[in-house]
PDB file of N, CA and C in Angstrom:
ATOM      1  N   MET A   1      53.302   7.745  12.474  1.00  0.00           N
ATOM      2  CA  MET A   1      51.964   7.200  12.545  1.00  0.00           C
ATOM      3  C   MET A   1      51.002   8.091  11.782  1.00  0.00           C
ATOM      4  N   GLY A   2      50.091   7.492  11.044  1.00  0.00           N
ATOM      5  CA  GLY A   2      49.104   8.245  10.283  1.00  0.00           C
ATOM      6  C   GLY A   2      47.897   8.602  11.136  1.00  0.00           C
ATOM      7  N   HIS A   3      47.160   9.589  10.666  1.00  0.00           N
ATOM      8  CA  HIS A   3      45.952  10.024  11.351  1.00  0.00           C
ATOM      9  C   HIS A   3      44.766   9.244  10.797  1.00  0.00           C
ATOM     10  N   VAL A   4      43.991   8.641  11.665  1.00  0.00           N
ATOM     11  CA  VAL A   4      42.828   7.860  11.252  1.00  0.00           C
ATOM     12  C   VAL A   4      41.568   8.664  11.552  1.00  0.00           C
ATOM     13  N   THR A   5      40.712   8.835  10.534  1.00  0.00           N
ATOM     14  CA  THR A   5      39.449   9.529  10.718  1.00  0.00           C
ATOM     15  C   THR A   5      38.342   8.495  10.847  1.00  0.00           C
ATOM     16  N   VAL A   6      37.573   8.606  11.915  1.00  0.00           N
ATOM     17  CA  VAL A   6      36.472   7.682  12.133  1.00  0.00           C
ATOM     18  C   VAL A   6      35.190   8.342  11.630  1.00  0.00           C
ATOM     19  N   ILE A   7      34.490   7.658  10.736  1.00  0.00           N
ATOM     20  CA  ILE A   7      33.214   8.150  10.239  1.00  0.00           C
ATOM     21  C   ILE A   7      32.122   7.477  11.053  1.00  0.00           C
ATOM     22  N   LYS A   8      31.298   8.274  11.701  1.00  0.00           N
ATOM     23  CA  LYS A   8      30.230   7.718  12.521  1.00  0.00           C
ATOM     24  C   LYS A   8      29.218   6.994  11.645  1.00  0.00           C
ATOM     25  N   ASP A   9      28.668   5.931  12.164  1.00  0.00           N
ATOM     26  CA  ASP A   9      27.753   5.068  11.416  1.00  0.00           C
ATOM     27  C   ASP A   9      26.312   5.550  11.582  1.00  0.00           C
ATOM     28  N   TYR A  10      25.974   6.628  10.871  1.00  0.00           N
ATOM     29  CA  TYR A  10      24.597   7.114  10.889  1.00  0.00           C
ATOM     30  C   TYR A  10      23.734   6.177  10.060  1.00  0.00           C
ATOM     31  N   ARG A  11      22.574   5.851  10.590  1.00  0.00           N
ATOM     32  CA  ARG A  11      21.633   4.972   9.879  1.00  0.00           C
ATOM     33  C   ARG A  11      20.222   5.521  10.010  1.00  0.00           C
ATOM     34  N   LEU A  12      19.392   5.168   9.055  1.00  0.00           N
ATOM     35  CA  LEU A  12      17.982   5.506   9.170  1.00  0.00           C
ATOM     36  C   LEU A  12      17.418   4.650  10.296  1.00  0.00           C
ATOM     37  N   THR A  13      16.969   5.306  11.352  1.00  0.00           N
ATOM     38  CA  THR A  13      16.524   4.619  12.562  1.00  0.00           C
ATOM     39  C   THR A  13      15.042   4.881  12.786  1.00  0.00           C
ATOM     40  N   THR A  14      14.296   3.814  13.033  1.00  0.00           N
ATOM     41  CA  THR A  14      12.876   3.920  13.337  1.00  0.00           C
ATOM     42  C   THR A  14      12.653   3.416  14.761  1.00  0.00           C
ATOM     43  N   VAL A  15      11.957   4.234  15.548  1.00  0.00           N
ATOM     44  CA  VAL A  15      11.652   3.871  16.933  1.00  0.00           C
ATOM     45  C   VAL A  15      10.137   3.800  17.064  1.00  0.00           C
ATOM     46  N   GLU A  16       9.638   2.637  17.500  1.00  0.00           N
ATOM     47  CA  GLU A  16       8.204   2.457  17.750  1.00  0.00           C
ATOM     48  C   GLU A  16       8.003   2.386  19.254  1.00  0.00           C
ATOM     49  N   ILE A  17       7.200   3.321  19.766  1.00  0.00           N
ATOM     50  CA  ILE A  17       6.948   3.396  21.203  1.00  0.00           C
ATOM     51  C   ILE A  17       5.481   3.066  21.454  1.00  0.00           C
ATOM     52  N   LEU A  18       5.239   2.074  22.299  1.00  0.00           N
ATOM     53  CA  LEU A  18       3.886   1.778  22.764  1.00  0.00           C
ATOM     54  C   LEU A  18       3.777   2.327  24.182  1.00  0.00           C
ATOM     55  N   TYR A  19       2.714   3.111  24.416  1.00  0.00           N
ATOM     56  CA  TYR A  19       2.543   3.693  25.744  1.00  0.00           C
ATOM     57  C   TYR A  19       1.082   3.650  26.153  1.00  0.00           C
ATOM     58  N   HIS A  20       0.867   3.702  27.463  1.00  0.00           N
ATOM     59  CA  HIS A  20      -0.483   3.688  28.021  1.00  0.00           C
ATOM     60  C   HIS A  20      -1.057   5.101  27.941  1.00  0.00           C
ATOM     61  N   LEU A  21      -2.296   5.222  27.482  1.00  0.00           N
ATOM     62  CA  LEU A  21      -2.953   6.525  27.465  1.00  0.00           C
ATOM     63  C   LEU A  21      -3.160   6.998  28.903  1.00  0.00           C
ATOM     64  N   PRO A  22      -2.807   8.233  29.210  1.00  0.00           N
ATOM     65  CA  PRO A  22      -2.932   8.716  30.594  1.00  0.00           C
ATOM     66  C   PRO A  22      -4.364   8.637  31.135  1.00  0.00           C
ATOM     67  N   ASP A  23      -5.367   8.976  30.319  1.00  0.00           N
ATOM     68  CA  ASP A  23      -6.758   8.967  30.778  1.00  0.00           C
ATOM     69  C   ASP A  23      -7.391   7.582  30.762  1.00  0.00           C
ATOM     70  N   HIS A  24      -6.815   6.657  29.982  1.00  0.00           N
ATOM     71  CA  HIS A  24      -7.334   5.291  29.851  1.00  0.00           C
ATOM     72  C   HIS A  24      -6.146   4.319  29.854  1.00  0.00           C
ATOM     73  N   PRO A  25      -5.559   4.042  30.996  1.00  0.00           N
ATOM     74  CA  PRO A  25      -4.336   3.237  31.080  1.00  0.00           C
ATOM     75  C   PRO A  25      -4.436   1.836  30.496  1.00  0.00           C
ATOM     76  N   ALA A  26      -5.652   1.317  30.346  1.00  0.00           N
ATOM     77  CA  ALA A  26      -5.793  -0.023  29.766  1.00  0.00           C
ATOM     78  C   ALA A  26      -5.580  -0.007  28.253  1.00  0.00           C
ATOM     79  N   LEU A  27      -5.609   1.186  27.636  1.00  0.00           N
ATOM     80  CA  LEU A  27      -5.428   1.309  26.186  1.00  0.00           C
ATOM     81  C   LEU A  27      -3.993   1.708  25.857  1.00  0.00           C
ATOM     82  N   LEU A  28      -3.496   1.127  24.755  1.00  0.00           N
ATOM     83  CA  LEU A  28      -2.152   1.462  24.293  1.00  0.00           C
ATOM     84  C   LEU A  28      -2.229   2.341  23.051  1.00  0.00           C
ATOM     85  N   GLN A  29      -1.305   3.259  22.949  1.00  0.00           N
ATOM     86  CA  GLN A  29      -1.181   4.134  21.791  1.00  0.00           C
ATOM     87  C   GLN A  29       0.217   3.925  21.212  1.00  0.00           C
ATOM     88  N   THR A  30       0.362   4.105  19.912  1.00  0.00           N
ATOM     89  CA  THR A  30       1.658   3.960  19.252  1.00  0.00           C
ATOM     90  C   THR A  30       2.184   5.321  18.835  1.00  0.00           C
ATOM     91  N   TYR A  31       3.474   5.519  19.052  1.00  0.00           N
ATOM     92  CA  TYR A  31       4.168   6.704  18.567  1.00  0.00           C
ATOM     93  C   TYR A  31       5.367   6.208  17.778  1.00  0.00           C
ATOM     94  N   VAL A  32       5.510   6.649  16.521  1.00  0.00           N
ATOM     95  CA  VAL A  32       6.625   6.218  15.678  1.00  0.00           C
ATOM     96  C   VAL A  32       7.478   7.432  15.354  1.00  0.00           C
ATOM     97  N   TRP A  33       8.787   7.253  15.520  1.00  0.00           N
ATOM     98  CA  TRP A  33       9.736   8.335  15.268  1.00  0.00           C
ATOM     99  C   TRP A  33      10.803   7.794  14.333  1.00  0.00           C
ATOM    100  N   GLN A  34      11.176   8.590  13.320  1.00  0.00           N
ATOM    101  CA  GLN A  34      12.171   8.136  12.361  1.00  0.00           C
ATOM    102  C   GLN A  34      13.154   9.272  12.091  1.00  0.00           C
ATOM    103  N   ALA A  35      14.448   8.958  12.158  1.00  0.00           N
ATOM    104  CA  ALA A  35      15.487   9.953  11.917  1.00  0.00           C
ATOM    105  C   ALA A  35      16.812   9.238  11.664  1.00  0.00           C
ATOM    106  N   MET A  36      17.785   9.981  11.180  1.00  0.00           N
ATOM    107  CA  MET A  36      19.130   9.433  11.042  1.00  0.00           C
ATOM    108  C   MET A  36      19.779   9.496  12.427  1.00  0.00           C
ATOM    109  N   ASP A  37      20.370   8.382  12.851  1.00  0.00           N
ATOM    110  CA  ASP A  37      21.013   8.350  14.155  1.00  0.00           C
ATOM    111  C   ASP A  37      22.232   7.440  14.104  1.00  0.00           C
ATOM    112  N   ILE A  38      23.040   7.511  15.142  1.00  0.00           N
ATOM    113  CA  ILE A  38      24.302   6.778  15.190  1.00  0.00           C
ATOM    114  C   ILE A  38      24.087   5.405  15.811  1.00  0.00           C
ATOM    115  N   ALA A  39      24.403   4.367  15.037  1.00  0.00           N
ATOM    116  CA  ALA A  39      24.307   2.995  15.533  1.00  0.00           C
ATOM    117  C   ALA A  39      25.631   2.613  16.182  1.00  0.00           C
ATOM    118  N   PRO A  40      25.662   1.776  17.188  1.00  0.00           N
ATOM    119  CA  PRO A  40      24.553   1.160  17.902  1.00  0.00           C
ATOM    120  C   PRO A  40      24.154   1.914  19.171  1.00  0.00           C
ATOM    121  N   GLU A  41      24.714   3.126  19.382  1.00  0.00           N
ATOM    122  CA  GLU A  41      24.416   3.859  20.620  1.00  0.00           C
ATOM    123  C   GLU A  41      23.023   4.490  20.612  1.00  0.00           C
ATOM    124  N   TYR A  42      22.594   5.000  19.452  1.00  0.00           N
ATOM    125  CA  TYR A  42      21.294   5.672  19.284  1.00  0.00           C
ATOM    126  C   TYR A  42      21.085   6.750  20.349  1.00  0.00           C
ATOM    127  N   PRO A  43      21.939   7.793  20.362  1.00  0.00           N
ATOM    128  CA  PRO A  43      21.838   8.816  21.409  1.00  0.00           C
ATOM    129  C   PRO A  43      20.543   9.629  21.367  1.00  0.00           C
ATOM    130  N   ASP A  44      20.035   9.956  20.189  1.00  0.00           N
ATOM    131  CA  ASP A  44      18.812  10.776  20.125  1.00  0.00           C
ATOM    132  C   ASP A  44      17.594  10.062  20.708  1.00  0.00           C
ATOM    133  N   PRO A  45      17.313   8.812  20.321  1.00  0.00           N
ATOM    134  CA  PRO A  45      16.180   8.123  20.958  1.00  0.00           C
ATOM    135  C   PRO A  45      16.362   7.960  22.471  1.00  0.00           C
ATOM    136  N   ARG A  46      17.596   7.725  22.917  1.00  0.00           N
ATOM    137  CA  ARG A  46      17.827   7.590  24.363  1.00  0.00           C
ATOM    138  C   ARG A  46      17.476   8.890  25.100  1.00  0.00           C
ATOM    139  N   LYS A  47      17.892  10.029  24.527  1.00  0.00           N
ATOM    140  CA  LYS A  47      17.560  11.321  25.140  1.00  0.00           C
ATOM    141  C   LYS A  47      16.051  11.538  25.152  1.00  0.00           C
ATOM    142  N   PHE A  48      15.405  11.195  24.027  1.00  0.00           N
ATOM    143  CA  PHE A  48      13.964  11.380  23.924  1.00  0.00           C
ATOM    144  C   PHE A  48      13.221  10.516  24.942  1.00  0.00           C
ATOM    145  N   LEU A  49      13.642   9.259  25.090  1.00  0.00           N
ATOM    146  CA  LEU A  49      12.987   8.369  26.053  1.00  0.00           C
ATOM    147  C   LEU A  49      13.212   8.837  27.494  1.00  0.00           C
ATOM    148  N   ALA A  50      14.384   9.387  27.779  1.00  0.00           N
ATOM    149  CA  ALA A  50      14.633   9.940  29.117  1.00  0.00           C
ATOM    150  C   ALA A  50      13.694  11.120  29.370  1.00  0.00           C
ATOM    151  N   PHE A  51      13.514  11.965  28.347  1.00  0.00           N
ATOM    152  CA  PHE A  51      12.576  13.082  28.449  1.00  0.00           C
ATOM    153  C   PHE A  51      11.156  12.561  28.667  1.00  0.00           C
ATOM    154  N   TRP A  52      10.791  11.537  27.908  1.00  0.00           N
ATOM    155  CA  TRP A  52       9.440  10.962  28.014  1.00  0.00           C
ATOM    156  C   TRP A  52       9.171  10.507  29.453  1.00  0.00           C
ATOM    157  N   ARG A  53      10.115   9.756  30.006  1.00  0.00           N
ATOM    158  CA  ARG A  53       9.926   9.191  31.351  1.00  0.00           C
ATOM    159  C   ARG A  53       9.755  10.269  32.414  1.00  0.00           C
ATOM    160  N   THR A  54      10.419  11.403  32.248  1.00  0.00           N
ATOM    161  CA  THR A  54      10.369  12.432  33.285  1.00  0.00           C
ATOM    162  C   THR A  54       9.302  13.495  33.059  1.00  0.00           C
ATOM    163  N   GLU A  55       8.927  13.749  31.798  1.00  0.00           N
ATOM    164  CA  GLU A  55       8.071  14.896  31.501  1.00  0.00           C
ATOM    165  C   GLU A  55       6.667  14.557  30.982  1.00  0.00           C
ATOM    166  N   LEU A  56       6.473  13.370  30.414  1.00  0.00           N
ATOM    167  CA  LEU A  56       5.178  13.033  29.823  1.00  0.00           C
ATOM    168  C   LEU A  56       4.407  12.076  30.713  1.00  0.00           C
ATOM    169  N   GLU A  57       3.094  12.115  30.598  1.00  0.00           N
ATOM    170  CA  GLU A  57       2.229  11.326  31.480  1.00  0.00           C
ATOM    171  C   GLU A  57       2.044   9.882  31.038  1.00  0.00           C
ATOM    172  N   GLY A  58       2.099   9.593  29.765  1.00  0.00           N
ATOM    173  CA  GLY A  58       1.852   8.236  29.280  1.00  0.00           C
ATOM    174  C   GLY A  58       2.973   7.291  29.659  1.00  0.00           C
ATOM    175  N   LYS A  59       2.672   6.288  30.492  1.00  0.00           N
ATOM    176  CA  LYS A  59       3.676   5.312  30.928  1.00  0.00           C
ATOM    177  C   LYS A  59       4.089   4.439  29.749  1.00  0.00           C
ATOM    178  N   LEU A  60       5.396   4.253  29.579  1.00  0.00           N
ATOM    179  CA  LEU A  60       5.903   3.432  28.482  1.00  0.00           C
ATOM    180  C   LEU A  60       5.540   1.966  28.690  1.00  0.00           C
ATOM    181  N   HIS A  61       5.107   1.332  27.614  1.00  0.00           N
ATOM    182  CA  HIS A  61       4.824  -0.101  27.634  1.00  0.00           C
ATOM    183  C   HIS A  61       6.003  -0.854  27.024  1.00  0.00           C
ATOM    184  N   SER A  62       6.397  -0.446  25.813  1.00  0.00           N
ATOM    185  CA  SER A  62       7.519  -1.095  25.142  1.00  0.00           C
ATOM    186  C   SER A  62       8.094  -0.163  24.080  1.00  0.00           C
ATOM    187  N   VAL A  63       9.343  -0.447  23.713  1.00  0.00           N
ATOM    188  CA  VAL A  63      10.042   0.340  22.695  1.00  0.00           C
ATOM    189  C   VAL A  63      10.759  -0.627  21.773  1.00  0.00           C
ATOM    190  N   ARG A  64      10.574  -0.431  20.464  1.00  0.00           N
ATOM    191  CA  ARG A  64      11.306  -1.225  19.464  1.00  0.00           C
ATOM    192  C   ARG A  64      12.123  -0.274  18.604  1.00  0.00           C
ATOM    193  N   VAL A  65      13.384  -0.651  18.367  1.00  0.00           N
ATOM    194  CA  VAL A  65      14.276   0.157  17.542  1.00  0.00           C
ATOM    195  C   VAL A  65      14.716  -0.695  16.366  1.00  0.00           C
ATOM    196  N   ALA A  66      14.605  -0.113  15.172  1.00  0.00           N
ATOM    197  CA  ALA A  66      15.077  -0.778  13.961  1.00  0.00           C
ATOM    198  C   ALA A  66      15.955   0.202  13.199  1.00  0.00           C
ATOM    199  N   ALA A  67      17.045  -0.294  12.651  1.00  0.00           N
ATOM    200  CA  ALA A  67      17.951   0.562  11.880  1.00  0.00           C
ATOM    201  C   ALA A  67      18.256  -0.110  10.553  1.00  0.00           C
ATOM    202  N   ASN A  68      18.276   0.683   9.507  1.00  0.00           N
ATOM    203  CA  ASN A  68      18.530   0.171   8.174  1.00  0.00           C
ATOM    204  C   ASN A  68      19.948   0.524   7.750  1.00  0.00           C
ATOM    205  N   PRO A  69      20.839  -0.460   7.682  1.00  0.00           N
ATOM    206  CA  PRO A  69      22.217  -0.166   7.283  1.00  0.00           C
ATOM    207  C   PRO A  69      22.334   0.223   5.807  1.00  0.00           C
ATOM    208  N   LEU A  70      21.311  -0.040   4.999  1.00  0.00           N
ATOM    209  CA  LEU A  70      21.374   0.307   3.585  1.00  0.00           C
ATOM    210  C   LEU A  70      21.179   1.800   3.360  1.00  0.00           C
ATOM    211  N   ALA A  71      20.497   2.465   4.259  1.00  0.00           N
ATOM    212  CA  ALA A  71      20.256   3.906   4.141  1.00  0.00           C
ATOM    213  C   ALA A  71      21.090   4.628   5.178  1.00  0.00           C
ATOM    214  N   ARG A  72      22.382   4.680   4.943  1.00  0.00           N
ATOM    215  CA  ARG A  72      23.273   5.342   5.885  1.00  0.00           C
ATOM    216  C   ARG A  72      24.179   6.312   5.134  1.00  0.00           C
ATOM    217  N   THR A  73      24.932   7.061   5.887  1.00  0.00           N
ATOM    218  CA  THR A  73      25.824   8.024   5.266  1.00  0.00           C
ATOM    219  C   THR A  73      26.886   7.295   4.456  1.00  0.00           C
ATOM    220  N   GLY A  74      27.479   8.011   3.541  1.00  0.00           N
ATOM    221  CA  GLY A  74      28.453   7.408   2.627  1.00  0.00           C
ATOM    222  C   GLY A  74      29.705   6.915   3.311  1.00  0.00           C
ATOM    223  N   ARG A  75      30.338   5.991   2.667  1.00  0.00           N
ATOM    224  CA  ARG A  75      31.598   5.453   3.158  1.00  0.00           C
ATOM    225  C   ARG A  75      32.713   5.963   2.254  1.00  0.00           C
ATOM    226  N   VAL A  76      33.894   6.017   2.801  1.00  0.00           N
ATOM    227  CA  VAL A  76      35.051   6.429   2.026  1.00  0.00           C
ATOM    228  C   VAL A  76      35.827   5.178   1.657  1.00  0.00           C
ATOM    229  N   ARG A  77      36.129   5.052   0.371  1.00  0.00           N
ATOM    230  CA  ARG A  77      37.002   3.954  -0.042  1.00  0.00           C
ATOM    231  C   ARG A  77      37.865   4.441  -1.197  1.00  0.00           C
ATOM    232  N   HIS A  78      38.996   3.840  -1.355  1.00  0.00           N
ATOM    233  CA  HIS A  78      39.946   4.254  -2.370  1.00  0.00           C
ATOM    234  C   HIS A  78      39.716   3.455  -3.646  1.00  0.00           C
ATOM    235  N   ALA A  79      39.903   4.122  -4.773  1.00  0.00           N
ATOM    236  CA  ALA A  79      39.745   3.453  -6.059  1.00  0.00           C
ATOM    237  C   ALA A  79      40.890   2.460  -6.254  1.00  0.00           C
ATOM    238  N   LYS A  80      40.575   1.311  -6.845  1.00  0.00           N
ATOM    239  CA  LYS A  80      41.601   0.309  -7.127  1.00  0.00           C
ATOM    240  C   LYS A  80      42.319   0.605  -8.434  1.00  0.00           C
ATOM    241  N   ALA A  81      41.614   1.278  -9.349  1.00  0.00           N
ATOM    242  CA  ALA A  81      42.211   1.590 -10.640  1.00  0.00           C
ATOM    243  C   ALA A  81      41.563   2.851 -11.201  1.00  0.00           C
ATOM    244  N   MET A  82      42.317   3.558 -12.064  1.00  0.00           N
ATOM    245  CA  MET A  82      41.775   4.722 -12.742  1.00  0.00           C
ATOM    246  C   MET A  82      42.046   4.575 -14.224  1.00  0.00           C
ATOM    247  N   HIS A  83      41.035   4.800 -15.032  1.00  0.00           N
ATOM    248  CA  HIS A  83      41.169   4.696 -16.474  1.00  0.00           C
ATOM    249  C   HIS A  83      40.721   6.013 -17.104  1.00  0.00           C
ATOM    250  N   THR A  84      41.365   6.387 -18.204  1.00  0.00           N
ATOM    251  CA  THR A  84      41.003   7.597 -18.925  1.00  0.00           C
ATOM    252  C   THR A  84      40.488   7.201 -20.299  1.00  0.00           C
ATOM    253  N   LEU A  85      39.309   7.688 -20.660  1.00  0.00           N
ATOM    254  CA  LEU A  85      38.747   7.448 -21.983  1.00  0.00           C
ATOM    255  C   LEU A  85      38.760   8.754 -22.759  1.00  0.00           C
ATOM    256  N   HIS A  86      39.116   8.661 -24.041  1.00  0.00           N
ATOM    257  CA  HIS A  86      39.123   9.870 -24.883  1.00  0.00           C
ATOM    258  C   HIS A  86      37.887   9.901 -25.730  1.00  0.00           C
TER     259      HIS A  86
END
């Protein structure tokens, strides 16, 4: 049996967080975060949101996650043909 290497699917991920201002709960503020992350689990935003819920005062209103598959880490593929030019 051969050894299979799995390449994680890192993608450019944008997270838009709407939250209530602690001093003025009727007002919403936007926080946008962008980084390379692993789709579809998105571990970094999940950790950040867990931190937000426990440590920050602004109550979360909504979270939107978008990932761009075009801006991701490289893929490995084998060449179908090789040509030599002199």
